[in-house]
Amino acid sequence: MLNIVLLEPEIPANTGNIGRTCVAAGVRLHLIEPLGFRLDEKSLKRAGMDYWKDLDVTTYIDYADFLKKNPGVKIYMATTKAQHVYTDVAYEPDCYIMFGKESAGIPEELLVQNKENCIRIPMGGGIRSLNLGNSVAIVLYEALRQNAFAGLEQEGKLHELQW
């Protein structure tokens, strides 16, 4: 199962949105503290709607705790500073894709230590970064595509009209 990791997320609505995306995609969410909000906040639940109860989510007190509880995992780190584009990576079905906090991203010390596993989304025009929820969705669905959308419905559901 694929895994999304948020390192010190700050905005509850983004985390709620990402939680909903994780439920829809059938992936786990890992939250590394400190968080910029409480997990019982209304805005978090509102963005995740009624899906939050179905989310496979684990929290960690810090990055060291995350590594201790997930030894030897393959972690791809999403950053605007990477040399590799996110589509150039072959995502393993059980890999972890990490995203940093909204205001600062993943600390450069971690990026330097893991530079071969750093990925970026191409952008133009002097844009500093994309919204965290959008970035997660872009990279996650590429990883899912590469793994043949394993476990996900691939047929559209029609309602009243016949196509």
N, C-alpha and C. Protein backbone atom coordinates (compact mmCIF):
# COMPACT_ATOMS: atom_id res chain seq x y z
N MET A 1 0.85 -1.18 0.00
CA MET A 1 0.00 0.00 0.00
C MET A 1 0.89 1.24 0.00
N LEU A 2 0.55 2.19 -0.85
CA LEU A 2 1.27 3.46 -0.88
C LEU A 2 1.01 4.25 0.40
N ASN A 3 1.93 5.16 0.70
CA ASN A 3 1.87 5.96 1.92
C ASN A 3 2.18 7.41 1.62
N ILE A 4 1.36 8.30 2.17
CA ILE A 4 1.62 9.74 2.09
C ILE A 4 2.06 10.19 3.48
N VAL A 5 3.14 10.96 3.52
CA VAL A 5 3.68 11.46 4.79
C VAL A 5 3.65 12.99 4.75
N LEU A 6 3.05 13.59 5.77
CA LEU A 6 3.07 15.04 5.91
C LEU A 6 3.95 15.40 7.09
N LEU A 7 5.02 16.11 6.82
CA LEU A 7 5.95 16.54 7.86
C LEU A 7 5.54 17.91 8.38
N GLU A 8 5.03 17.92 9.59
CA GLU A 8 4.65 19.16 10.29
C GLU A 8 3.65 20.01 9.51
N PRO A 9 2.55 19.43 9.04
CA PRO A 9 1.57 20.25 8.31
C PRO A 9 1.00 21.34 9.21
N GLU A 10 0.67 22.49 8.58
CA GLU A 10 0.24 23.65 9.36
C GLU A 10 -1.23 24.02 9.17
N ILE A 11 -1.82 23.67 8.04
CA ILE A 11 -3.16 24.15 7.70
C ILE A 11 -4.15 22.98 7.75
N PRO A 12 -5.10 23.03 8.66
CA PRO A 12 -6.01 21.89 8.82
C PRO A 12 -6.81 21.57 7.57
N ALA A 13 -7.24 22.57 6.82
CA ALA A 13 -8.03 22.30 5.61
C ALA A 13 -7.22 21.51 4.58
N ASN A 14 -5.93 21.81 4.47
CA ASN A 14 -5.08 21.04 3.55
C ASN A 14 -4.99 19.59 3.99
N THR A 15 -4.76 19.38 5.28
CA THR A 15 -4.63 18.01 5.79
C THR A 15 -5.95 17.26 5.65
N GLY A 16 -7.06 17.92 5.89
CA GLY A 16 -8.37 17.28 5.70
C GLY A 16 -8.58 16.87 4.25
N ASN A 17 -8.23 17.77 3.33
CA ASN A 17 -8.35 17.48 1.90
C ASN A 17 -7.46 16.30 1.52
N ILE A 18 -6.24 16.28 2.02
CA ILE A 18 -5.30 15.19 1.74
C ILE A 18 -5.81 13.89 2.34
N GLY A 19 -6.39 13.94 3.53
CA GLY A 19 -6.98 12.76 4.14
C GLY A 19 -8.08 12.18 3.27
N ARG A 20 -8.93 13.03 2.74
CA ARG A 20 -10.00 12.57 1.85
C ARG A 20 -9.42 11.94 0.59
N THR A 21 -8.38 12.54 0.04
CA THR A 21 -7.72 11.97 -1.15
C THR A 21 -7.13 10.60 -0.82
N CYS A 22 -6.54 10.46 0.36
CA CYS A 22 -5.96 9.18 0.77
C CYS A 22 -7.04 8.10 0.87
N VAL A 23 -8.18 8.44 1.43
CA VAL A 23 -9.28 7.47 1.51
C VAL A 23 -9.70 7.06 0.11
N ALA A 24 -9.89 8.02 -0.78
CA ALA A 24 -10.32 7.73 -2.15
C ALA A 24 -9.30 6.88 -2.90
N ALA A 25 -8.03 7.07 -2.59
CA ALA A 25 -6.96 6.36 -3.28
C ALA A 25 -6.56 5.06 -2.60
N GLY A 26 -7.08 4.81 -1.41
CA GLY A 26 -6.74 3.59 -0.68
C GLY A 26 -5.30 3.57 -0.18
N VAL A 27 -4.82 4.72 0.30
CA VAL A 27 -3.45 4.81 0.80
C VAL A 27 -3.47 5.26 2.27
N ARG A 28 -2.35 5.05 2.94
CA ARG A 28 -2.21 5.46 4.34
C ARG A 28 -1.70 6.89 4.42
N LEU A 29 -2.07 7.57 5.49
CA LEU A 29 -1.57 8.91 5.76
C LEU A 29 -0.78 8.87 7.06
N HIS A 30 0.40 9.47 7.03
CA HIS A 30 1.28 9.57 8.20
C HIS A 30 1.48 11.05 8.50
N LEU A 31 1.21 11.46 9.73
CA LEU A 31 1.35 12.86 10.15
C LEU A 31 2.46 12.96 11.18
N ILE A 32 3.47 13.76 10.86
CA ILE A 32 4.61 13.94 11.77
C ILE A 32 4.46 15.28 12.47
N GLU A 33 4.41 15.24 13.80
CA GLU A 33 4.26 16.44 14.62
C GLU A 33 5.57 17.23 14.67
N PRO A 34 5.46 18.51 15.04
CA PRO A 34 4.27 19.19 15.52
C PRO A 34 3.32 19.55 14.37
N LEU A 35 2.03 19.46 14.66
CA LEU A 35 1.00 19.86 13.72
C LEU A 35 0.60 21.29 14.04
N GLY A 36 0.17 22.02 13.03
CA GLY A 36 -0.26 23.40 13.24
C GLY A 36 -1.72 23.49 13.65
N PHE A 37 -2.30 22.41 14.13
CA PHE A 37 -3.72 22.34 14.47
C PHE A 37 -3.92 21.09 15.33
N ARG A 38 -5.12 20.97 15.87
CA ARG A 38 -5.49 19.76 16.60
C ARG A 38 -6.27 18.85 15.66
N LEU A 39 -6.14 17.57 15.84
CA LEU A 39 -6.82 16.62 14.94
C LEU A 39 -8.33 16.61 15.12
N ASP A 40 -8.84 17.26 16.14
CA ASP A 40 -10.29 17.31 16.31
C ASP A 40 -10.90 18.62 15.81
N GLU A 41 -10.13 19.44 15.12
CA GLU A 41 -10.64 20.72 14.63
C GLU A 41 -11.70 20.54 13.57
N LYS A 42 -12.71 21.42 13.62
CA LYS A 42 -13.80 21.36 12.66
C LYS A 42 -13.31 21.52 11.22
N SER A 43 -12.37 22.42 10.99
CA SER A 43 -11.91 22.68 9.63
C SER A 43 -11.22 21.46 9.03
N LEU A 44 -10.55 20.68 9.85
CA LEU A 44 -9.92 19.44 9.39
C LEU A 44 -10.99 18.45 8.96
N LYS A 45 -11.98 18.26 9.80
CA LYS A 45 -13.05 17.32 9.50
C LYS A 45 -13.89 17.81 8.31
N ARG A 46 -14.12 19.13 8.23
CA ARG A 46 -14.93 19.68 7.15
C ARG A 46 -14.27 19.41 5.80
N ALA A 47 -12.97 19.62 5.71
CA ALA A 47 -12.26 19.40 4.45
C ALA A 47 -12.21 17.92 4.10
N GLY A 48 -12.14 17.05 5.11
CA GLY A 48 -12.14 15.61 4.88
C GLY A 48 -13.54 15.04 4.80
N MET A 49 -14.49 15.91 5.05
CA MET A 49 -15.91 15.58 5.07
C MET A 49 -16.16 14.37 5.97
N ASP A 50 -17.05 13.52 5.56
CA ASP A 50 -17.37 12.37 6.41
C ASP A 50 -16.44 11.19 6.16
N TYR A 51 -15.36 11.41 5.43
CA TYR A 51 -14.42 10.34 5.11
C TYR A 51 -13.34 10.17 6.18
N TRP A 52 -13.18 11.13 7.06
CA TRP A 52 -12.07 11.09 8.02
C TRP A 52 -12.11 9.82 8.86
N LYS A 53 -13.30 9.34 9.19
CA LYS A 53 -13.44 8.12 10.00
C LYS A 53 -12.91 6.89 9.27
N ASP A 54 -12.83 6.94 7.95
CA ASP A 54 -12.34 5.81 7.15
C ASP A 54 -10.86 5.88 6.84
N LEU A 55 -10.21 6.94 7.29
CA LEU A 55 -8.80 7.17 6.98
C LEU A 55 -7.89 6.31 7.83
N ASP A 56 -6.91 5.68 7.17
CA ASP A 56 -5.85 4.94 7.86
C ASP A 56 -4.75 5.96 8.14
N VAL A 57 -4.74 6.50 9.35
CA VAL A 57 -3.82 7.59 9.69
C VAL A 57 -3.04 7.25 10.95
N THR A 58 -1.75 7.57 10.92
CA THR A 58 -0.86 7.38 12.06
C THR A 58 -0.14 8.69 12.33
N THR A 59 0.00 9.04 13.60
CA THR A 59 0.76 10.25 13.96
C THR A 59 2.04 9.84 14.68
N TYR A 60 3.03 10.72 14.57
CA TYR A 60 4.36 10.50 15.16
C TYR A 60 4.77 11.77 15.88
N ILE A 61 5.54 11.63 16.97
CA ILE A 61 5.92 12.82 17.74
C ILE A 61 6.96 13.66 17.03
N ASP A 62 7.76 13.04 16.14
CA ASP A 62 8.74 13.78 15.35
C ASP A 62 9.28 12.86 14.25
N TYR A 63 10.18 13.37 13.44
CA TYR A 63 10.72 12.60 12.32
C TYR A 63 11.49 11.37 12.79
N ALA A 64 12.22 11.50 13.89
CA ALA A 64 12.96 10.35 14.44
C ALA A 64 12.00 9.23 14.84
N ASP A 65 10.86 9.58 15.42
CA ASP A 65 9.85 8.60 15.80
C ASP A 65 9.29 7.91 14.55
N PHE A 66 9.06 8.68 13.50
CA PHE A 66 8.58 8.12 12.23
C PHE A 66 9.58 7.08 11.70
N LEU A 67 10.87 7.45 11.68
CA LEU A 67 11.89 6.52 11.17
C LEU A 67 12.00 5.28 12.05
N LYS A 68 11.89 5.47 13.35
CA LYS A 68 11.98 4.34 14.27
C LYS A 68 10.84 3.35 14.05
N LYS A 69 9.65 3.86 13.79
CA LYS A 69 8.47 2.99 13.63
C LYS A 69 8.30 2.47 12.20
N ASN A 70 9.10 2.99 11.27
CA ASN A 70 9.04 2.56 9.87
C ASN A 70 10.47 2.34 9.36
N PRO A 71 11.20 1.40 9.96
CA PRO A 71 12.61 1.24 9.59
C PRO A 71 12.79 0.75 8.16
N GLY A 72 13.77 1.33 7.49
CA GLY A 72 14.16 0.88 6.16
C GLY A 72 13.19 1.18 5.03
N VAL A 73 12.22 2.05 5.25
CA VAL A 73 11.25 2.33 4.19
C VAL A 73 11.87 3.21 3.10
N LYS A 74 11.35 3.08 1.90
CA LYS A 74 11.77 3.92 0.77
C LYS A 74 10.93 5.19 0.81
N ILE A 75 11.58 6.34 0.97
CA ILE A 75 10.88 7.62 1.08
C ILE A 75 11.28 8.52 -0.09
N TYR A 76 10.29 8.95 -0.84
CA TYR A 76 10.49 9.98 -1.84
C TYR A 76 10.09 11.31 -1.21
N MET A 77 10.92 12.32 -1.37
CA MET A 77 10.67 13.61 -0.75
C MET A 77 10.34 14.65 -1.81
N ALA A 78 9.13 15.18 -1.73
CA ALA A 78 8.68 16.17 -2.70
C ALA A 78 9.16 17.55 -2.28
N THR A 79 9.84 18.22 -3.21
CA THR A 79 10.41 19.53 -2.92
C THR A 79 10.60 20.30 -4.22
N THR A 80 10.59 21.60 -4.13
CA THR A 80 10.86 22.43 -5.31
C THR A 80 12.35 22.44 -5.64
N LYS A 81 13.17 21.89 -4.77
CA LYS A 81 14.63 21.94 -4.94
C LYS A 81 15.23 20.70 -5.62
N ALA A 82 14.40 19.72 -5.95
CA ALA A 82 14.90 18.44 -6.49
C ALA A 82 15.34 18.55 -7.94
N GLN A 83 16.21 17.66 -8.34
CA GLN A 83 16.63 17.57 -9.74
C GLN A 83 15.75 16.61 -10.52
N HIS A 84 15.15 15.61 -9.85
CA HIS A 84 14.32 14.62 -10.53
C HIS A 84 12.86 15.08 -10.57
N VAL A 85 12.23 14.93 -11.72
CA VAL A 85 10.82 15.23 -11.87
C VAL A 85 10.03 14.02 -11.35
N TYR A 86 8.89 14.27 -10.75
CA TYR A 86 8.11 13.21 -10.11
C TYR A 86 7.71 12.09 -11.07
N THR A 87 7.62 12.36 -12.34
CA THR A 87 7.25 11.33 -13.33
C THR A 87 8.44 10.47 -13.74
N ASP A 88 9.65 10.84 -13.34
CA ASP A 88 10.85 10.08 -13.70
C ASP A 88 11.16 8.96 -12.70
N VAL A 89 10.38 8.87 -11.65
CA VAL A 89 10.62 7.90 -10.58
C VAL A 89 9.73 6.68 -10.80
N ALA A 90 10.24 5.49 -10.47
CA ALA A 90 9.44 4.26 -10.48
C ALA A 90 8.99 3.99 -9.04
N TYR A 91 7.76 4.31 -8.73
CA TYR A 91 7.24 4.20 -7.37
C TYR A 91 6.92 2.74 -7.03
N GLU A 92 7.51 2.25 -5.96
CA GLU A 92 7.22 0.92 -5.47
C GLU A 92 5.82 0.92 -4.83
N PRO A 93 5.12 -0.22 -4.86
CA PRO A 93 3.76 -0.26 -4.33
C PRO A 93 3.64 0.04 -2.84
N ASP A 94 4.76 -0.03 -2.11
CA ASP A 94 4.71 0.22 -0.66
C ASP A 94 5.59 1.40 -0.25
N CYS A 95 5.91 2.26 -1.19
CA CYS A 95 6.79 3.38 -0.87
C CYS A 95 6.06 4.47 -0.09
N TYR A 96 6.85 5.40 0.43
CA TYR A 96 6.35 6.55 1.18
C TYR A 96 6.71 7.80 0.40
N ILE A 97 5.74 8.71 0.27
CA ILE A 97 5.98 9.98 -0.43
C ILE A 97 5.74 11.08 0.59
N MET A 98 6.80 11.83 0.88
CA MET A 98 6.77 12.83 1.94
C MET A 98 6.64 14.24 1.37
N PHE A 99 5.85 15.04 2.07
CA PHE A 99 5.66 16.45 1.74
C PHE A 99 5.90 17.26 3.01
N GLY A 100 6.51 18.42 2.87
CA GLY A 100 6.81 19.26 4.02
C GLY A 100 5.71 20.24 4.34
N LYS A 101 5.93 20.99 5.40
CA LYS A 101 4.93 21.95 5.84
C LYS A 101 4.77 23.07 4.82
N GLU A 102 3.59 23.67 4.84
CA GLU A 102 3.22 24.65 3.83
C GLU A 102 4.16 25.85 3.77
N SER A 103 4.65 26.32 4.90
CA SER A 103 5.46 27.54 4.92
C SER A 103 6.91 27.33 4.54
N ALA A 104 7.43 26.12 4.66
CA ALA A 104 8.87 25.94 4.46
C ALA A 104 9.27 24.65 3.75
N GLY A 105 8.35 23.72 3.54
CA GLY A 105 8.70 22.46 2.91
C GLY A 105 9.48 21.55 3.85
N ILE A 106 10.18 20.60 3.26
CA ILE A 106 11.02 19.68 4.02
C ILE A 106 12.35 20.37 4.31
N PRO A 107 12.86 20.27 5.53
CA PRO A 107 14.15 20.92 5.84
C PRO A 107 15.25 20.46 4.89
N GLU A 108 16.10 21.40 4.47
CA GLU A 108 17.16 21.10 3.51
C GLU A 108 18.12 20.04 4.01
N GLU A 109 18.32 19.95 5.33
CA GLU A 109 19.21 18.92 5.87
C GLU A 109 18.72 17.52 5.48
N LEU A 110 17.40 17.32 5.54
CA LEU A 110 16.84 16.02 5.15
C LEU A 110 16.94 15.82 3.64
N LEU A 111 16.71 16.88 2.89
CA LEU A 111 16.78 16.78 1.43
C LEU A 111 18.19 16.41 0.97
N VAL A 112 19.19 17.04 1.54
CA VAL A 112 20.58 16.76 1.17
C VAL A 112 20.94 15.31 1.48
N GLN A 113 20.45 14.81 2.60
CA GLN A 113 20.73 13.42 2.99
C GLN A 113 20.01 12.42 2.08
N ASN A 114 18.99 12.85 1.37
CA ASN A 114 18.17 11.96 0.54
C ASN A 114 18.03 12.47 -0.89
N LYS A 115 19.04 13.16 -1.41
CA LYS A 115 18.88 13.86 -2.68
C LYS A 115 18.52 12.96 -3.85
N GLU A 116 18.91 11.69 -3.82
CA GLU A 116 18.56 10.78 -4.92
C GLU A 116 17.08 10.44 -4.93
N ASN A 117 16.41 10.62 -3.79
CA ASN A 117 14.98 10.31 -3.69
C ASN A 117 14.11 11.56 -3.63
N CYS A 118 14.70 12.71 -3.96
CA CYS A 118 13.92 13.95 -3.99
C CYS A 118 13.29 14.13 -5.36
N ILE A 119 12.03 14.56 -5.35
CA ILE A 119 11.28 14.74 -6.59
C ILE A 119 10.62 16.12 -6.60
N ARG A 120 10.32 16.62 -7.79
CA ARG A 120 9.65 17.92 -7.89
C ARG A 120 8.60 17.88 -8.98
N ILE A 121 7.67 18.80 -8.87
CA ILE A 121 6.65 19.02 -9.87
C ILE A 121 7.09 20.23 -10.68
N PRO A 122 7.24 20.11 -11.99
CA PRO A 122 7.66 21.28 -12.79
C PRO A 122 6.64 22.42 -12.69
N MET A 123 7.15 23.62 -12.57
CA MET A 123 6.31 24.82 -12.50
C MET A 123 7.02 25.94 -13.26
N GLY A 124 6.29 26.91 -13.64
CA GLY A 124 6.90 28.03 -14.33
C GLY A 124 6.50 29.36 -13.72
N GLY A 125 7.04 30.40 -14.27
CA GLY A 125 6.60 31.75 -13.95
C GLY A 125 6.87 32.26 -12.56
N GLY A 126 7.93 31.81 -11.93
CA GLY A 126 8.28 32.36 -10.62
C GLY A 126 7.34 31.95 -9.50
N ILE A 127 6.55 30.91 -9.71
CA ILE A 127 5.67 30.41 -8.65
C ILE A 127 6.52 29.67 -7.62
N ARG A 128 6.35 30.01 -6.35
CA ARG A 128 7.15 29.39 -5.29
C ARG A 128 6.79 27.92 -5.10
N SER A 129 5.48 27.63 -5.07
CA SER A 129 5.05 26.25 -4.89
C SER A 129 3.56 26.14 -5.16
N LEU A 130 3.09 24.91 -5.30
CA LEU A 130 1.67 24.64 -5.44
C LEU A 130 1.05 24.43 -4.06
N ASN A 131 -0.26 24.45 -4.00
CA ASN A 131 -0.95 24.11 -2.76
C ASN A 131 -0.59 22.68 -2.37
N LEU A 132 -0.42 22.43 -1.09
CA LEU A 132 0.00 21.13 -0.60
C LEU A 132 -0.95 20.02 -1.03
N GLY A 133 -2.24 20.25 -0.91
CA GLY A 133 -3.22 19.23 -1.32
C GLY A 133 -3.12 18.90 -2.80
N ASN A 134 -2.91 19.92 -3.63
CA ASN A 134 -2.75 19.69 -5.06
C ASN A 134 -1.48 18.90 -5.34
N SER A 135 -0.40 19.25 -4.67
CA SER A 135 0.87 18.56 -4.88
C SER A 135 0.76 17.08 -4.52
N VAL A 136 0.12 16.80 -3.39
CA VAL A 136 -0.06 15.42 -2.98
C VAL A 136 -0.85 14.66 -4.04
N ALA A 137 -1.95 15.25 -4.51
CA ALA A 137 -2.79 14.57 -5.50
C ALA A 137 -2.02 14.29 -6.80
N ILE A 138 -1.26 15.25 -7.26
CA ILE A 138 -0.50 15.09 -8.51
C ILE A 138 0.47 13.92 -8.39
N VAL A 139 1.28 13.92 -7.37
CA VAL A 139 2.31 12.88 -7.22
C VAL A 139 1.68 11.54 -6.87
N LEU A 140 0.71 11.54 -5.98
CA LEU A 140 0.07 10.29 -5.57
C LEU A 140 -0.56 9.58 -6.77
N TYR A 141 -1.27 10.30 -7.60
CA TYR A 141 -1.95 9.65 -8.72
C TYR A 141 -0.97 9.19 -9.80
N GLU A 142 0.19 9.78 -9.88
CA GLU A 142 1.23 9.23 -10.76
C GLU A 142 1.73 7.91 -10.19
N ALA A 143 1.94 7.85 -8.88
CA ALA A 143 2.37 6.60 -8.24
C ALA A 143 1.30 5.53 -8.41
N LEU A 144 0.04 5.89 -8.25
CA LEU A 144 -1.05 4.94 -8.45
C LEU A 144 -1.11 4.47 -9.90
N ARG A 145 -0.94 5.37 -10.84
CA ARG A 145 -0.96 5.00 -12.26
C ARG A 145 0.14 3.99 -12.55
N GLN A 146 1.32 4.26 -12.03
CA GLN A 146 2.44 3.34 -12.27
C GLN A 146 2.19 1.96 -11.67
N ASN A 147 1.35 1.89 -10.66
CA ASN A 147 1.03 0.62 -10.03
C ASN A 147 -0.35 0.11 -10.48
N ALA A 148 -0.75 0.51 -11.69
CA ALA A 148 -1.98 0.04 -12.34
C ALA A 148 -3.24 0.31 -11.50
N PHE A 149 -3.22 1.37 -10.72
CA PHE A 149 -4.36 1.74 -9.87
C PHE A 149 -4.86 0.54 -9.07
N ALA A 150 -3.91 -0.22 -8.54
CA ALA A 150 -4.24 -1.45 -7.80
C ALA A 150 -5.26 -1.18 -6.70
N GLY A 151 -6.33 -1.97 -6.71
CA GLY A 151 -7.36 -1.88 -5.69
C GLY A 151 -8.37 -0.78 -5.89
N LEU A 152 -8.25 0.00 -6.97
CA LEU A 152 -9.18 1.10 -7.19
C LEU A 152 -10.15 0.76 -8.33
N GLU A 153 -11.35 1.28 -8.24
CA GLU A 153 -12.33 1.10 -9.31
C GLU A 153 -11.86 1.87 -10.54
N GLN A 154 -11.91 1.21 -11.68
CA GLN A 154 -11.46 1.87 -12.90
C GLN A 154 -12.59 2.05 -13.91
N GLU A 155 -13.77 1.61 -13.57
CA GLU A 155 -14.93 1.79 -14.43
C GLU A 155 -15.74 2.97 -13.91
N GLY A 156 -16.19 3.81 -14.84
CA GLY A 156 -17.03 4.93 -14.44
C GLY A 156 -18.41 4.44 -14.03
N LYS A 157 -19.04 5.19 -13.16
CA LYS A 157 -20.40 4.84 -12.71
C LYS A 157 -21.37 5.83 -13.34
N LEU A 158 -22.19 5.34 -14.23
CA LEU A 158 -23.21 6.18 -14.86
C LEU A 158 -24.42 6.26 -13.96
N HIS A 159 -25.11 7.36 -14.07
CA HIS A 159 -26.30 7.53 -13.27
C HIS A 159 -27.52 7.26 -14.13
N GLU A 160 -28.03 8.25 -14.81
CA GLU A 160 -29.26 8.07 -15.58
C GLU A 160 -29.00 7.92 -17.06
N LEU A 161 -28.00 8.60 -17.56
CA LEU A 161 -27.78 8.60 -19.01
C LEU A 161 -26.94 7.42 -19.43
N GLN A 162 -27.18 6.94 -20.63
CA GLN A 162 -26.37 5.86 -21.20
C GLN A 162 -25.36 6.47 -22.15
N TRP A 163 -24.11 6.05 -22.05
CA TRP A 163 -23.06 6.58 -22.93
C TRP A 163 -22.77 5.56 -24.00
